[in-house]
Amino acid sequence: MFKNFFLEFKKFAMRGNVIDMAVGIVIGAAFGKIADSLVKDIIMPPIGFVLGKIDLSNLFFVLKEGSKSKAPYESLIEAQTAGAITFNLGNFLNTIISFIIVAFAIFILIKFINKLEKRIIDNKNNLTPTKNCPFCCQNIPLQATRCPFCTSQLNKNKK
């Protein structure tokens, strides 16, 4: 019983789609870390500087003071260490900006893949000379003697 279960699982796991999906998830997670670093280390510091030298990751509001020490807290880490309950607006903004960057990058990638796929299909269509079937008007190869769509016998003199 267990042997059949594991054989079935192995067959499932070794299918191309599952492996492709796993690779995509790993690459997506790595890309998410890159986008997160881009937001935290490159984009947010200049925005914080323009807004008055504020580190947006430390933009938080104390909802309840901590039991270990009282407010005010210099940083989010200090507030969390003190056991304070905080509303972390800066982290939320960083996450939104990271999401927008990842979504935009995926959009650009999909757009590029679709354009490339269209170009490949157009190149394939241009390789085979074609004509229209006089009976059903479908596009068929130039040397066809019978239409694959309507099965009409084609006159070799018509083009």
Protein backbone atom coordinates (compact mmCIF):
# COMPACT_ATOMS: atom_id res chain seq x y z
CA MET A 1 0.00 0.00 0.00
CA PHE A 2 2.70 2.49 0.99
CA LYS A 3 4.84 1.45 -1.95
CA ASN A 4 2.04 2.32 -4.39
CA PHE A 5 1.47 5.61 -2.60
CA PHE A 6 5.14 6.59 -2.89
CA LEU A 7 5.32 5.48 -6.52
CA GLU A 8 2.28 7.58 -7.31
CA PHE A 9 3.78 10.55 -5.43
CA LYS A 10 7.08 10.13 -7.28
CA LYS A 11 5.24 10.07 -10.62
CA PHE A 12 3.37 13.25 -9.62
CA ALA A 13 6.49 15.06 -8.36
CA MET A 14 8.55 14.24 -11.43
CA ARG A 15 6.04 15.68 -13.89
CA GLY A 16 7.41 18.66 -15.75
CA ASN A 17 4.77 21.11 -14.55
CA VAL A 18 5.43 20.43 -10.87
CA ILE A 19 9.18 20.85 -11.28
CA ASP A 20 8.68 24.05 -13.31
CA MET A 21 6.36 25.38 -10.62
CA ALA A 22 8.89 24.58 -7.88
CA VAL A 23 11.65 26.37 -9.78
CA GLY A 24 9.33 29.34 -10.30
CA ILE A 25 8.53 29.53 -6.59
CA VAL A 26 12.22 29.46 -5.62
CA ILE A 27 13.11 32.13 -8.18
CA GLY A 28 10.07 34.18 -7.13
CA ALA A 29 11.13 34.06 -3.48
CA ALA A 30 14.65 35.19 -4.41
CA PHE A 31 13.23 37.96 -6.61
CA GLY A 32 11.00 39.03 -3.71
CA LYS A 33 14.09 39.42 -1.51
CA ILE A 34 15.77 41.53 -4.21
CA ALA A 35 12.67 43.74 -4.50
CA ASP A 36 12.49 44.04 -0.72
CA SER A 37 16.13 45.13 -0.58
CA LEU A 38 15.55 47.58 -3.43
CA VAL A 39 12.71 49.19 -1.49
CA LYS A 40 14.40 49.22 1.94
CA ASP A 41 17.94 50.08 0.84
CA ILE A 42 17.56 52.15 -2.35
CA ILE A 43 14.09 53.69 -2.69
CA MET A 44 12.96 54.43 0.87
CA PRO A 45 16.10 56.23 2.19
CA PRO A 46 15.81 59.11 -0.33
CA ILE A 47 12.05 59.34 0.28
CA GLY A 48 12.69 59.47 4.02
CA PHE A 49 15.39 62.11 3.50
CA VAL A 50 13.04 64.31 1.43
CA LEU A 51 10.34 63.94 4.09
CA GLY A 52 12.66 65.22 6.81
CA LYS A 53 15.28 62.53 7.47
CA ILE A 54 12.67 59.97 8.52
CA ASP A 55 13.42 56.25 8.31
CA LEU A 56 10.03 55.04 7.08
CA SER A 57 10.64 51.54 8.43
CA ASN A 58 10.58 53.22 11.87
CA LEU A 59 7.30 54.98 11.17
CA PHE A 60 5.03 53.45 13.81
CA PHE A 61 2.45 54.41 16.37
CA VAL A 62 2.36 52.98 19.87
CA LEU A 63 -1.06 51.52 20.64
CA LYS A 64 -0.07 50.26 24.09
CA GLU A 65 3.15 50.89 25.98
CA GLY A 66 5.39 47.98 26.76
CA SER A 67 5.73 46.44 30.18
CA LYS A 68 9.54 46.54 30.16
CA SER A 69 9.93 50.27 29.45
CA LYS A 70 7.73 53.27 28.75
CA ALA A 71 7.38 55.40 25.59
CA PRO A 72 8.76 57.30 23.74
CA TYR A 73 10.68 54.71 21.77
CA GLU A 74 13.47 55.66 19.37
CA SER A 75 12.85 52.80 16.95
CA LEU A 76 10.38 50.07 16.14
CA ILE A 77 12.82 47.44 17.38
CA GLU A 78 13.13 49.25 20.72
CA ALA A 79 9.34 49.41 21.05
CA GLN A 80 8.94 45.73 20.22
CA THR A 81 11.73 44.78 22.63
CA ALA A 82 9.91 46.73 25.36
CA GLY A 83 6.79 44.68 24.62
CA ALA A 84 4.81 47.60 23.17
CA ILE A 85 1.92 46.98 20.80
CA THR A 86 2.57 49.04 17.69
CA PHE A 87 0.85 50.03 14.45
CA ASN A 88 3.69 49.61 11.89
CA LEU A 89 2.77 52.01 9.10
CA GLY A 90 6.34 52.24 7.69
CA ASN A 91 6.70 48.47 7.28
CA PHE A 92 3.30 48.36 5.60
CA LEU A 93 4.33 51.10 3.14
CA ASN A 94 7.57 49.23 2.39
CA THR A 95 5.59 46.05 1.70
CA ILE A 96 3.18 47.86 -0.63
CA ILE A 97 6.06 49.41 -2.59
CA SER A 98 7.79 46.01 -2.80
CA PHE A 99 4.59 44.44 -4.12
CA ILE A 100 4.19 47.15 -6.76
CA ILE A 101 7.79 46.64 -7.92
CA VAL A 102 7.40 42.84 -8.10
CA ALA A 103 4.05 43.13 -9.89
CA PHE A 104 5.50 45.62 -12.38
CA ALA A 105 8.52 43.40 -13.03
CA ILE A 106 6.27 40.38 -13.62
CA PHE A 107 4.09 42.48 -15.93
CA ILE A 108 7.16 43.50 -17.97
CA LEU A 109 8.39 39.88 -18.06
CA ILE A 110 5.01 38.52 -19.23
CA LYS A 111 4.72 41.29 -21.81
CA PHE A 112 8.20 40.41 -23.12
CA ILE A 113 7.38 36.68 -23.24
CA ASN A 114 4.10 37.34 -25.11
CA LYS A 115 5.90 39.57 -27.62
CA LEU A 116 8.60 36.94 -28.12
CA GLU A 117 5.99 34.20 -28.51
CA LYS A 118 4.09 36.27 -31.09
CA ARG A 119 7.31 36.88 -33.01
CA ILE A 120 8.09 33.14 -33.03
CA ILE A 121 4.58 32.30 -34.25
CA ASP A 122 4.78 34.99 -36.95
CA ASN A 123 8.15 33.61 -38.08
CA LYS A 124 6.71 30.08 -38.28
CA ASN A 125 3.75 31.32 -40.30
CA ASN A 126 6.04 33.15 -42.70
CA LEU A 127 8.16 30.05 -43.36
CA THR A 128 5.37 28.08 -45.03
CA PRO A 129 3.97 29.67 -48.21
CA THR A 130 0.19 29.53 -48.06
CA LYS A 131 -2.94 30.16 -50.09
CA ASN A 132 -6.63 30.37 -49.26
CA CYS A 133 -8.90 27.43 -49.96
CA PRO A 134 -11.41 28.55 -52.63
CA PHE A 135 -14.19 26.61 -50.86
CA CYS A 136 -13.83 27.41 -47.13
CA CYS A 137 -11.37 30.37 -47.30
CA GLN A 138 -9.03 28.82 -44.69
CA ASN A 139 -5.29 29.40 -44.93
CA ILE A 140 -3.61 26.21 -46.22
CA PRO A 141 -0.12 25.28 -47.49
CA LEU A 142 0.60 26.27 -51.09
CA GLN A 143 1.31 22.67 -52.22
CA ALA A 144 -1.85 21.21 -50.65
CA THR A 145 -3.99 19.14 -53.03
CA ARG A 146 -6.80 18.64 -50.49
CA CYS A 147 -8.00 21.19 -47.92
CA PRO A 148 -7.44 19.89 -44.36
CA PHE A 149 -10.43 21.95 -43.13
CA CYS A 150 -13.21 21.20 -45.62
CA THR A 151 -11.52 18.20 -47.35
CA SER A 152 -12.27 19.63 -50.80
CA GLN A 153 -10.13 18.43 -53.68
CA LEU A 154 -8.11 21.43 -54.86
CA ASN A 155 -7.32 22.18 -58.48
CA LYS A 156 -3.55 22.28 -58.88
CA ASN A 157 -3.80 25.29 -61.20
CA LYS A 158 -5.58 27.53 -58.58
CA LYS A 159 -3.50 29.56 -56.20
